[in-house]
Amino acid sequence: MATGHTDPQRRERIIAATLDLIAEEGIARVSHRKIATRAGVPLGSMTYHFSGIDQLLREAFGRFTDHIVAVFDAHLGAAADREQARQAVADLVHELSEGSQRDLVLTQELYTLAARQPAYRELTHEWMRRSRVHLEKHFDPATARQLDALIEGLTLHRALAREPHGRDLTLEAVARITTTDPRTS
């Protein structure tokens, strides 16, 4: 591993370590020292690469939202028509709710920050806008907004339920929202 400031992956390791630490211990337990230890970098690297913990957190959560938007794109990008898009939305809900607990925790940690701090609220607004861009390839803007909220809600309910609902209920919910298209009404 390269040492000093010549390590081209150091910044990326710091961001990844930040997200891992938040997912495992929560935002309240994050510190420069813990992140540096987890990333395997000298403590001084933290201030060399980031002006402070807030910049680091914003960049880390920005990286996380990029990841989730890519998951949206992976599911919705291949859909050729509305029915395939409905199936893709259901697949997305089930992947997000059955997949990484890390992603679920990071989402909730970001929402908590956004509820308190405008800079993080802007980050979530941009995330929602980018997610809706993928939904709007198949649905009108109002329907895309409703689906975006449905995806969040169903994902959280499935992930936290003792007995998560099945795919049929997810598809029924998606169908109820997408049955009529105001663009053609």
N, C-alpha and C. Protein backbone atom coordinates (compact mmCIF):
# COMPACT_ATOMS: atom_id res chain seq x y z
N MET A 1 0.84 -1.17 0.00
CA MET A 1 0.00 0.00 0.00
C MET A 1 0.89 1.23 0.00
N ALA A 2 0.51 2.21 -0.81
CA ALA A 2 1.28 3.44 -0.88
C ALA A 2 1.13 4.21 0.44
N THR A 3 2.10 5.03 0.72
CA THR A 3 2.04 5.79 1.96
C THR A 3 1.98 7.27 1.65
N GLY A 4 1.70 8.07 2.68
CA GLY A 4 1.68 9.52 2.52
C GLY A 4 0.58 9.96 1.57
N HIS A 5 0.77 11.11 0.97
CA HIS A 5 -0.24 11.68 0.10
C HIS A 5 -0.19 11.08 -1.29
N THR A 6 0.69 10.11 -1.53
CA THR A 6 0.76 9.48 -2.85
C THR A 6 -0.21 8.31 -2.97
N ASP A 7 -0.93 8.00 -1.92
CA ASP A 7 -1.90 6.90 -1.92
C ASP A 7 -3.17 7.38 -2.64
N PRO A 8 -3.37 6.97 -3.89
CA PRO A 8 -4.51 7.49 -4.65
C PRO A 8 -5.87 6.99 -4.15
N GLN A 9 -5.88 5.93 -3.38
CA GLN A 9 -7.14 5.38 -2.88
C GLN A 9 -7.49 5.84 -1.47
N ARG A 10 -6.64 6.63 -0.87
CA ARG A 10 -6.84 7.02 0.52
C ARG A 10 -8.18 7.73 0.73
N ARG A 11 -8.48 8.70 -0.10
CA ARG A 11 -9.73 9.46 0.04
C ARG A 11 -10.94 8.52 -0.07
N GLU A 12 -10.88 7.62 -1.02
CA GLU A 12 -11.98 6.66 -1.22
C GLU A 12 -12.13 5.73 -0.02
N ARG A 13 -11.02 5.29 0.54
CA ARG A 13 -11.08 4.43 1.72
C ARG A 13 -11.69 5.16 2.91
N ILE A 14 -11.39 6.44 3.03
CA ILE A 14 -11.95 7.24 4.11
C ILE A 14 -13.47 7.34 3.95
N ILE A 15 -13.93 7.60 2.76
CA ILE A 15 -15.37 7.71 2.51
C ILE A 15 -16.05 6.36 2.77
N ALA A 16 -15.47 5.28 2.27
CA ALA A 16 -16.05 3.94 2.49
C ALA A 16 -16.07 3.60 3.98
N ALA A 17 -15.00 3.92 4.68
CA ALA A 17 -14.93 3.64 6.12
C ALA A 17 -15.98 4.46 6.87
N THR A 18 -16.22 5.67 6.43
CA THR A 18 -17.23 6.52 7.06
C THR A 18 -18.60 5.88 6.93
N LEU A 19 -18.95 5.45 5.74
CA LEU A 19 -20.25 4.81 5.53
C LEU A 19 -20.37 3.52 6.33
N ASP A 20 -19.31 2.72 6.34
CA ASP A 20 -19.34 1.48 7.12
C ASP A 20 -19.54 1.76 8.61
N LEU A 21 -18.83 2.76 9.11
CA LEU A 21 -18.93 3.10 10.54
C LEU A 21 -20.33 3.61 10.88
N ILE A 22 -20.89 4.45 10.01
CA ILE A 22 -22.25 4.95 10.26
C ILE A 22 -23.23 3.78 10.28
N ALA A 23 -23.09 2.87 9.33
CA ALA A 23 -24.01 1.73 9.26
C ALA A 23 -23.90 0.83 10.48
N GLU A 24 -22.72 0.68 11.01
CA GLU A 24 -22.52 -0.23 12.13
C GLU A 24 -22.78 0.42 13.50
N GLU A 25 -22.41 1.69 13.64
CA GLU A 25 -22.47 2.31 14.97
C GLU A 25 -23.40 3.51 15.06
N GLY A 26 -23.83 4.05 13.92
CA GLY A 26 -24.69 5.23 13.93
C GLY A 26 -23.90 6.51 13.81
N ILE A 27 -24.55 7.50 13.29
CA ILE A 27 -23.90 8.79 13.02
C ILE A 27 -23.34 9.42 14.29
N ALA A 28 -24.01 9.23 15.40
CA ALA A 28 -23.58 9.85 16.66
C ALA A 28 -22.23 9.33 17.14
N ARG A 29 -21.83 8.17 16.68
CA ARG A 29 -20.57 7.57 17.15
C ARG A 29 -19.42 7.78 16.17
N VAL A 30 -19.66 8.51 15.11
CA VAL A 30 -18.63 8.76 14.11
C VAL A 30 -17.65 9.82 14.61
N SER A 31 -16.37 9.55 14.43
CA SER A 31 -15.34 10.55 14.77
C SER A 31 -14.20 10.40 13.76
N HIS A 32 -13.40 11.45 13.66
CA HIS A 32 -12.22 11.39 12.78
C HIS A 32 -11.33 10.20 13.15
N ARG A 33 -11.11 10.04 14.43
CA ARG A 33 -10.21 8.97 14.90
C ARG A 33 -10.73 7.59 14.50
N LYS A 34 -12.01 7.34 14.72
CA LYS A 34 -12.58 6.03 14.38
C LYS A 34 -12.54 5.78 12.88
N ILE A 35 -12.83 6.82 12.11
CA ILE A 35 -12.81 6.67 10.65
C ILE A 35 -11.39 6.39 10.18
N ALA A 36 -10.42 7.15 10.68
CA ALA A 36 -9.03 6.95 10.27
C ALA A 36 -8.56 5.54 10.61
N THR A 37 -8.91 5.06 11.78
CA THR A 37 -8.52 3.71 12.18
C THR A 37 -9.13 2.68 11.25
N ARG A 38 -10.44 2.82 10.98
CA ARG A 38 -11.13 1.87 10.11
C ARG A 38 -10.57 1.91 8.69
N ALA A 39 -10.22 3.11 8.20
CA ALA A 39 -9.69 3.25 6.83
C ALA A 39 -8.22 2.87 6.74
N GLY A 40 -7.57 2.72 7.89
CA GLY A 40 -6.14 2.39 7.88
C GLY A 40 -5.28 3.54 7.39
N VAL A 41 -5.65 4.76 7.79
CA VAL A 41 -4.90 5.95 7.38
C VAL A 41 -4.50 6.74 8.61
N PRO A 42 -3.45 7.55 8.50
CA PRO A 42 -3.07 8.40 9.63
C PRO A 42 -4.18 9.42 9.92
N LEU A 43 -4.34 9.79 11.15
CA LEU A 43 -5.37 10.73 11.56
C LEU A 43 -5.26 12.06 10.78
N GLY A 44 -4.04 12.47 10.49
CA GLY A 44 -3.82 13.72 9.74
C GLY A 44 -4.42 13.70 8.34
N SER A 45 -4.62 12.51 7.79
CA SER A 45 -5.22 12.40 6.46
C SER A 45 -6.65 12.93 6.43
N MET A 46 -7.29 12.87 7.58
CA MET A 46 -8.68 13.32 7.63
C MET A 46 -8.77 14.81 7.29
N THR A 47 -7.91 15.62 7.88
CA THR A 47 -7.98 17.06 7.62
C THR A 47 -7.29 17.43 6.31
N TYR A 48 -6.41 16.58 5.81
CA TYR A 48 -5.80 16.83 4.51
C TYR A 48 -6.84 16.69 3.41
N HIS A 49 -7.69 15.66 3.49
CA HIS A 49 -8.65 15.37 2.44
C HIS A 49 -10.01 16.05 2.63
N PHE A 50 -10.36 16.41 3.86
CA PHE A 50 -11.69 16.97 4.14
C PHE A 50 -11.54 18.14 5.10
N SER A 51 -12.30 19.20 4.87
CA SER A 51 -12.21 20.40 5.72
C SER A 51 -12.76 20.15 7.12
N GLY A 52 -13.56 19.12 7.26
CA GLY A 52 -14.12 18.79 8.57
C GLY A 52 -15.05 17.60 8.43
N ILE A 53 -15.61 17.19 9.55
CA ILE A 53 -16.48 16.01 9.56
C ILE A 53 -17.72 16.24 8.72
N ASP A 54 -18.23 17.48 8.68
CA ASP A 54 -19.45 17.75 7.91
C ASP A 54 -19.21 17.54 6.42
N GLN A 55 -18.08 18.03 5.91
CA GLN A 55 -17.77 17.81 4.49
C GLN A 55 -17.64 16.32 4.20
N LEU A 56 -16.98 15.60 5.09
CA LEU A 56 -16.82 14.16 4.91
C LEU A 56 -18.18 13.45 4.90
N LEU A 57 -19.05 13.80 5.83
CA LEU A 57 -20.36 13.17 5.89
C LEU A 57 -21.18 13.48 4.63
N ARG A 58 -21.16 14.73 4.18
CA ARG A 58 -21.91 15.09 2.97
C ARG A 58 -21.39 14.31 1.77
N GLU A 59 -20.08 14.21 1.63
CA GLU A 59 -19.53 13.46 0.50
C GLU A 59 -19.84 11.97 0.61
N ALA A 60 -19.75 11.44 1.82
CA ALA A 60 -20.05 10.01 2.01
C ALA A 60 -21.52 9.73 1.68
N PHE A 61 -22.42 10.56 2.19
CA PHE A 61 -23.83 10.35 1.88
C PHE A 61 -24.12 10.63 0.40
N GLY A 62 -23.39 11.55 -0.21
CA GLY A 62 -23.52 11.75 -1.65
C GLY A 62 -23.14 10.50 -2.42
N ARG A 63 -22.08 9.85 -1.99
CA ARG A 63 -21.65 8.59 -2.61
C ARG A 63 -22.71 7.51 -2.41
N PHE A 64 -23.29 7.47 -1.21
CA PHE A 64 -24.34 6.50 -0.93
C PHE A 64 -25.56 6.73 -1.83
N THR A 65 -25.98 7.98 -1.96
CA THR A 65 -27.16 8.24 -2.81
C THR A 65 -26.86 7.90 -4.27
N ASP A 66 -25.63 8.11 -4.72
CA ASP A 66 -25.25 7.69 -6.08
C ASP A 66 -25.47 6.18 -6.24
N HIS A 67 -25.09 5.43 -5.22
CA HIS A 67 -25.26 3.97 -5.24
C HIS A 67 -26.74 3.59 -5.37
N ILE A 68 -27.60 4.23 -4.58
CA ILE A 68 -29.03 3.88 -4.62
C ILE A 68 -29.64 4.29 -5.96
N VAL A 69 -29.26 5.43 -6.49
CA VAL A 69 -29.76 5.85 -7.81
C VAL A 69 -29.31 4.85 -8.87
N ALA A 70 -28.12 4.32 -8.75
CA ALA A 70 -27.64 3.30 -9.70
C ALA A 70 -28.48 2.03 -9.59
N VAL A 71 -28.93 1.69 -8.38
CA VAL A 71 -29.81 0.53 -8.20
C VAL A 71 -31.15 0.79 -8.91
N PHE A 72 -31.69 2.00 -8.76
CA PHE A 72 -32.91 2.37 -9.48
C PHE A 72 -32.69 2.20 -10.98
N ASP A 73 -31.59 2.74 -11.48
CA ASP A 73 -31.30 2.66 -12.91
C ASP A 73 -31.17 1.22 -13.39
N ALA A 74 -30.51 0.39 -12.58
CA ALA A 74 -30.33 -1.01 -12.97
C ALA A 74 -31.67 -1.72 -13.14
N HIS A 75 -32.62 -1.38 -12.29
CA HIS A 75 -33.94 -2.02 -12.38
C HIS A 75 -34.81 -1.41 -13.46
N LEU A 76 -34.87 -0.10 -13.50
CA LEU A 76 -35.81 0.56 -14.40
C LEU A 76 -35.26 0.79 -15.80
N GLY A 77 -33.95 0.78 -15.94
CA GLY A 77 -33.34 1.06 -17.24
C GLY A 77 -33.66 0.05 -18.31
N ALA A 78 -33.90 -1.18 -17.93
CA ALA A 78 -34.15 -2.24 -18.91
C ALA A 78 -35.63 -2.40 -19.26
N ALA A 79 -36.51 -1.75 -18.52
CA ALA A 79 -37.94 -1.90 -18.78
C ALA A 79 -38.31 -1.26 -20.11
N ALA A 80 -39.01 -2.03 -20.95
CA ALA A 80 -39.36 -1.55 -22.28
C ALA A 80 -40.76 -0.95 -22.35
N ASP A 81 -41.60 -1.27 -21.37
CA ASP A 81 -42.97 -0.74 -21.38
C ASP A 81 -43.45 -0.58 -19.94
N ARG A 82 -44.69 -0.09 -19.78
CA ARG A 82 -45.22 0.18 -18.43
C ARG A 82 -45.32 -1.08 -17.59
N GLU A 83 -45.73 -2.19 -18.19
CA GLU A 83 -45.85 -3.42 -17.41
C GLU A 83 -44.49 -3.88 -16.91
N GLN A 84 -43.49 -3.82 -17.76
CA GLN A 84 -42.14 -4.17 -17.31
C GLN A 84 -41.65 -3.19 -16.25
N ALA A 85 -42.03 -1.93 -16.38
CA ALA A 85 -41.64 -0.93 -15.38
C ALA A 85 -42.31 -1.24 -14.04
N ARG A 86 -43.58 -1.66 -14.06
CA ARG A 86 -44.25 -2.05 -12.82
C ARG A 86 -43.52 -3.22 -12.16
N GLN A 87 -43.16 -4.20 -12.95
CA GLN A 87 -42.42 -5.35 -12.43
C GLN A 87 -41.07 -4.90 -11.86
N ALA A 88 -40.43 -3.97 -12.56
CA ALA A 88 -39.13 -3.46 -12.11
C ALA A 88 -39.25 -2.73 -10.77
N VAL A 89 -40.34 -1.97 -10.59
CA VAL A 89 -40.55 -1.29 -9.33
C VAL A 89 -40.72 -2.31 -8.21
N ALA A 90 -41.51 -3.34 -8.46
CA ALA A 90 -41.69 -4.40 -7.45
C ALA A 90 -40.35 -5.08 -7.14
N ASP A 91 -39.58 -5.37 -8.17
CA ASP A 91 -38.26 -5.97 -7.96
C ASP A 91 -37.38 -5.06 -7.10
N LEU A 92 -37.45 -3.76 -7.38
CA LEU A 92 -36.66 -2.80 -6.64
C LEU A 92 -37.04 -2.79 -5.16
N VAL A 93 -38.33 -2.76 -4.86
CA VAL A 93 -38.79 -2.79 -3.47
C VAL A 93 -38.26 -4.03 -2.77
N HIS A 94 -38.35 -5.17 -3.43
CA HIS A 94 -37.94 -6.41 -2.78
C HIS A 94 -36.42 -6.50 -2.65
N GLU A 95 -35.68 -6.01 -3.63
CA GLU A 95 -34.23 -6.02 -3.50
C GLU A 95 -33.78 -5.10 -2.37
N LEU A 96 -34.35 -3.90 -2.32
CA LEU A 96 -33.95 -2.95 -1.27
C LEU A 96 -34.32 -3.43 0.12
N SER A 97 -35.46 -4.12 0.24
CA SER A 97 -35.90 -4.56 1.57
C SER A 97 -35.27 -5.87 2.01
N GLU A 98 -34.86 -6.68 1.07
CA GLU A 98 -34.25 -7.98 1.41
C GLU A 98 -32.74 -7.93 1.36
N GLY A 99 -32.22 -6.86 0.80
CA GLY A 99 -30.79 -6.76 0.58
C GLY A 99 -30.04 -6.26 1.79
N SER A 100 -29.15 -5.38 1.54
CA SER A 100 -28.20 -4.89 2.52
C SER A 100 -28.87 -4.13 3.66
N GLN A 101 -28.70 -4.63 4.88
CA GLN A 101 -29.13 -3.88 6.07
C GLN A 101 -28.36 -2.57 6.13
N ARG A 102 -27.14 -2.60 5.62
CA ARG A 102 -26.29 -1.41 5.59
C ARG A 102 -27.00 -0.28 4.85
N ASP A 103 -27.55 -0.58 3.67
CA ASP A 103 -28.24 0.45 2.89
C ASP A 103 -29.46 0.98 3.62
N LEU A 104 -30.19 0.10 4.26
CA LEU A 104 -31.38 0.51 5.01
C LEU A 104 -31.00 1.45 6.16
N VAL A 105 -29.97 1.09 6.90
CA VAL A 105 -29.53 1.92 8.02
C VAL A 105 -29.00 3.26 7.52
N LEU A 106 -28.20 3.24 6.47
CA LEU A 106 -27.66 4.49 5.93
C LEU A 106 -28.78 5.41 5.45
N THR A 107 -29.80 4.84 4.84
CA THR A 107 -30.94 5.64 4.40
C THR A 107 -31.59 6.34 5.59
N GLN A 108 -31.84 5.60 6.65
CA GLN A 108 -32.49 6.18 7.82
C GLN A 108 -31.60 7.21 8.52
N GLU A 109 -30.32 6.96 8.56
CA GLU A 109 -29.39 7.93 9.16
C GLU A 109 -29.39 9.23 8.34
N LEU A 110 -29.41 9.10 7.02
CA LEU A 110 -29.45 10.29 6.17
C LEU A 110 -30.76 11.05 6.37
N TYR A 111 -31.87 10.34 6.43
CA TYR A 111 -33.15 11.01 6.65
C TYR A 111 -33.17 11.75 7.99
N THR A 112 -32.57 11.17 9.01
CA THR A 112 -32.52 11.84 10.31
C THR A 112 -31.71 13.13 10.22
N LEU A 113 -30.56 13.07 9.56
CA LEU A 113 -29.77 14.29 9.36
C LEU A 113 -30.56 15.32 8.55
N ALA A 114 -31.23 14.86 7.50
CA ALA A 114 -31.98 15.77 6.64
C ALA A 114 -33.13 16.44 7.38
N ALA A 115 -33.70 15.75 8.34
CA ALA A 115 -34.79 16.34 9.12
C ALA A 115 -34.30 17.49 9.98
N ARG A 116 -33.01 17.50 10.29
CA ARG A 116 -32.46 18.51 11.19
C ARG A 116 -31.61 19.57 10.49
N GLN A 117 -31.00 19.21 9.35
CA GLN A 117 -30.01 20.10 8.75
C GLN A 117 -30.30 20.34 7.27
N PRO A 118 -30.46 21.60 6.87
CA PRO A 118 -30.79 21.93 5.49
C PRO A 118 -29.83 21.37 4.44
N ALA A 119 -28.54 21.31 4.72
CA ALA A 119 -27.58 20.80 3.73
C ALA A 119 -27.88 19.34 3.38
N TYR A 120 -28.26 18.58 4.35
CA TYR A 120 -28.59 17.17 4.11
C TYR A 120 -29.97 17.05 3.47
N ARG A 121 -30.86 17.99 3.79
CA ARG A 121 -32.17 18.01 3.15
C ARG A 121 -31.99 18.24 1.65
N GLU A 122 -31.08 19.12 1.29
CA GLU A 122 -30.79 19.35 -0.13
C GLU A 122 -30.27 18.07 -0.79
N LEU A 123 -29.44 17.35 -0.08
CA LEU A 123 -28.91 16.08 -0.60
C LEU A 123 -30.04 15.08 -0.84
N THR A 124 -30.99 15.01 0.08
CA THR A 124 -32.12 14.07 -0.12
C THR A 124 -33.04 14.55 -1.22
N HIS A 125 -33.23 15.86 -1.36
CA HIS A 125 -34.05 16.38 -2.46
C HIS A 125 -33.44 16.00 -3.80
N GLU A 126 -32.13 16.15 -3.91
CA GLU A 126 -31.45 15.79 -5.16
C GLU A 126 -31.54 14.28 -5.41
N TRP A 127 -31.42 13.49 -4.37
CA TRP A 127 -31.54 12.04 -4.49
C TRP A 127 -32.94 11.68 -5.00
N MET A 128 -33.97 12.25 -4.41
CA MET A 128 -35.34 11.96 -4.84
C MET A 128 -35.56 12.40 -6.29
N ARG A 129 -35.02 13.56 -6.64
CA ARG A 129 -35.15 14.05 -8.02
C ARG A 129 -34.52 13.06 -9.00
N ARG A 130 -33.33 12.60 -8.67
CA ARG A 130 -32.62 11.67 -9.55
C ARG A 130 -33.34 10.33 -9.64
N SER A 131 -33.91 9.87 -8.53
CA SER A 131 -34.68 8.61 -8.55
C SER A 131 -35.91 8.77 -9.43
N ARG A 132 -36.57 9.91 -9.31
CA ARG A 132 -37.78 10.12 -10.12
C ARG A 132 -37.47 10.23 -11.60
N VAL A 133 -36.28 10.68 -11.96
CA VAL A 133 -35.90 10.72 -13.37
C VAL A 133 -36.04 9.32 -13.98
N HIS A 134 -35.61 8.31 -13.25
CA HIS A 134 -35.71 6.93 -13.75
C HIS A 134 -37.16 6.49 -13.81
N LEU A 135 -37.95 6.86 -12.84
CA LEU A 135 -39.38 6.50 -12.85
C LEU A 135 -40.13 7.24 -13.95
N GLU A 136 -39.74 8.49 -14.23
CA GLU A 136 -40.43 9.29 -15.24
C GLU A 136 -40.15 8.83 -16.67
N LYS A 137 -39.24 7.92 -16.84
CA LYS A 137 -39.05 7.30 -18.17
C LYS A 137 -40.25 6.44 -18.52
N HIS A 138 -41.02 6.04 -17.50
CA HIS A 138 -42.14 5.12 -17.70
C HIS A 138 -43.48 5.66 -17.21
N PHE A 139 -43.43 6.67 -16.33
CA PHE A 139 -44.65 7.18 -15.70
C PHE A 139 -44.61 8.71 -15.70
N ASP A 140 -45.79 9.32 -15.66
CA ASP A 140 -45.85 10.78 -15.60
C ASP A 140 -45.25 11.25 -14.27
N PRO A 141 -44.89 12.55 -14.18
CA PRO A 141 -44.22 13.06 -12.98
C PRO A 141 -45.00 12.85 -11.67
N ALA A 142 -46.31 13.05 -11.68
CA ALA A 142 -47.07 12.86 -10.44
C ALA A 142 -47.05 11.40 -10.01
N THR A 143 -47.20 10.50 -10.96
CA THR A 143 -47.16 9.07 -10.65
C THR A 143 -45.76 8.67 -10.18
N ALA A 144 -44.73 9.22 -10.81
CA ALA A 144 -43.36 8.93 -10.40
C ALA A 144 -43.12 9.36 -8.96
N ARG A 145 -43.66 10.51 -8.58
CA ARG A 145 -43.51 11.00 -7.20
C ARG A 145 -44.20 10.05 -6.22
N GLN A 146 -45.40 9.60 -6.59
CA GLN A 146 -46.13 8.66 -5.73
C GLN A 146 -45.39 7.33 -5.63
N LEU A 147 -44.86 6.86 -6.76
CA LEU A 147 -44.12 5.59 -6.74
C LEU A 147 -42.85 5.70 -5.91
N ASP A 148 -42.18 6.84 -5.99
CA ASP A 148 -40.96 7.03 -5.21
C ASP A 148 -41.28 6.90 -3.72
N ALA A 149 -42.36 7.52 -3.28
CA ALA A 149 -42.78 7.42 -1.87
C ALA A 149 -43.21 5.99 -1.54
N LEU A 150 -43.91 5.34 -2.46
CA LEU A 150 -44.33 3.96 -2.24
C LEU A 150 -43.12 3.04 -2.08
N ILE A 151 -42.13 3.22 -2.93
CA ILE A 151 -40.92 2.40 -2.85
C ILE A 151 -40.27 2.55 -1.47
N GLU A 152 -40.12 3.80 -1.02
CA GLU A 152 -39.53 4.04 0.30
C GLU A 152 -40.34 3.36 1.40
N GLY A 153 -41.66 3.57 1.37
CA GLY A 153 -42.51 3.02 2.43
C GLY A 153 -42.56 1.51 2.44
N LEU A 154 -42.78 0.92 1.27
CA LEU A 154 -42.85 -0.55 1.22
C LEU A 154 -41.52 -1.19 1.56
N THR A 155 -40.43 -0.55 1.13
CA THR A 155 -39.10 -1.08 1.47
C THR A 155 -38.91 -1.11 2.98
N LEU A 156 -39.22 -0.01 3.63
CA LEU A 156 -39.05 0.07 5.08
C LEU A 156 -39.97 -0.92 5.79
N HIS A 157 -41.23 -0.98 5.38
CA HIS A 157 -42.17 -1.91 6.02
C HIS A 157 -41.73 -3.36 5.85
N ARG A 158 -41.30 -3.72 4.64
CA ARG A 158 -40.85 -5.10 4.41
C ARG A 158 -39.60 -5.41 5.22
N ALA A 159 -38.67 -4.47 5.27
CA ALA A 159 -37.39 -4.70 5.95
C ALA A 159 -37.57 -4.86 7.45
N LEU A 160 -38.56 -4.17 8.03
CA LEU A 160 -38.71 -4.19 9.48
C LEU A 160 -39.81 -5.12 9.98
N ALA A 161 -40.61 -5.65 9.08
CA ALA A 161 -41.74 -6.50 9.48
C ALA A 161 -41.25 -7.88 9.95
N ARG A 162 -41.94 -8.42 10.94
CA ARG A 162 -41.66 -9.80 11.35
C ARG A 162 -41.99 -10.76 10.23
N GLU A 163 -43.09 -10.49 9.56
CA GLU A 163 -43.51 -11.30 8.41
C GLU A 163 -43.76 -10.36 7.23
N PRO A 164 -42.72 -10.09 6.45
CA PRO A 164 -42.85 -9.14 5.34
C PRO A 164 -43.91 -9.60 4.32
N HIS A 165 -44.62 -8.61 3.77
CA HIS A 165 -45.62 -8.93 2.75
C HIS A 165 -44.92 -9.48 1.51
N GLY A 166 -45.68 -10.19 0.70
CA GLY A 166 -45.13 -10.81 -0.50
C GLY A 166 -45.17 -9.92 -1.72
N ARG A 167 -44.63 -10.45 -2.79
CA ARG A 167 -44.54 -9.72 -4.05
C ARG A 167 -45.91 -9.38 -4.61
N ASP A 168 -46.91 -10.23 -4.41
CA ASP A 168 -48.25 -9.95 -4.94
C ASP A 168 -48.80 -8.64 -4.37
N LEU A 169 -48.61 -8.41 -3.07
CA LEU A 169 -49.09 -7.17 -2.47
C LEU A 169 -48.32 -5.97 -3.03
N THR A 170 -47.03 -6.13 -3.22
CA THR A 170 -46.22 -5.05 -3.79
C THR A 170 -46.72 -4.71 -5.20
N LEU A 171 -46.93 -5.74 -6.01
CA LEU A 171 -47.42 -5.50 -7.38
C LEU A 171 -48.80 -4.86 -7.37
N GLU A 172 -49.66 -5.27 -6.45
CA GLU A 172 -50.99 -4.67 -6.36
C GLU A 172 -50.89 -3.19 -6.02
N ALA A 173 -50.02 -2.84 -5.08
CA ALA A 173 -49.84 -1.43 -4.70
C ALA A 173 -49.31 -0.62 -5.88
N VAL A 174 -48.34 -1.16 -6.60
CA VAL A 174 -47.78 -0.47 -7.76
C VAL A 174 -48.86 -0.31 -8.83
N ALA A 175 -49.64 -1.35 -9.06
CA ALA A 175 -50.70 -1.29 -10.07
C ALA A 175 -51.75 -0.24 -9.70
N ARG A 176 -52.10 -0.14 -8.44
CA ARG A 176 -53.11 0.85 -8.02
C ARG A 176 -52.65 2.27 -8.33
N ILE A 177 -51.39 2.53 -8.13
CA ILE A 177 -50.86 3.88 -8.39
C ILE A 177 -50.70 4.14 -9.89
N THR A 178 -50.40 3.10 -10.65
CA THR A 178 -50.04 3.29 -12.07
C THR A 178 -51.14 2.90 -13.05
N THR A 179 -52.33 2.59 -12.56
CA THR A 179 -53.40 2.11 -13.44
C THR A 179 -53.77 3.13 -14.51
N THR A 180 -53.93 4.39 -14.13
CA THR A 180 -54.24 5.40 -15.13
C THR A 180 -53.07 6.34 -15.27
N ASP A 181 -52.87 6.79 -16.46
CA ASP A 181 -51.79 7.72 -16.76
C ASP A 181 -52.43 9.06 -17.13
N PRO A 182 -52.25 10.09 -16.29
CA PRO A 182 -52.86 11.40 -16.59
C PRO A 182 -52.46 11.95 -17.96
N ARG A 183 -51.34 11.48 -18.50
CA ARG A 183 -50.92 11.96 -19.82
C ARG A 183 -51.87 11.49 -20.91
N THR A 184 -52.57 10.37 -20.66
CA THR A 184 -53.45 9.82 -21.69
C THR A 184 -54.93 9.95 -21.32
N SER A 185 -55.23 10.54 -20.17
CA SER A 185 -56.61 10.68 -19.73
C SER A 185 -57.26 11.90 -20.32
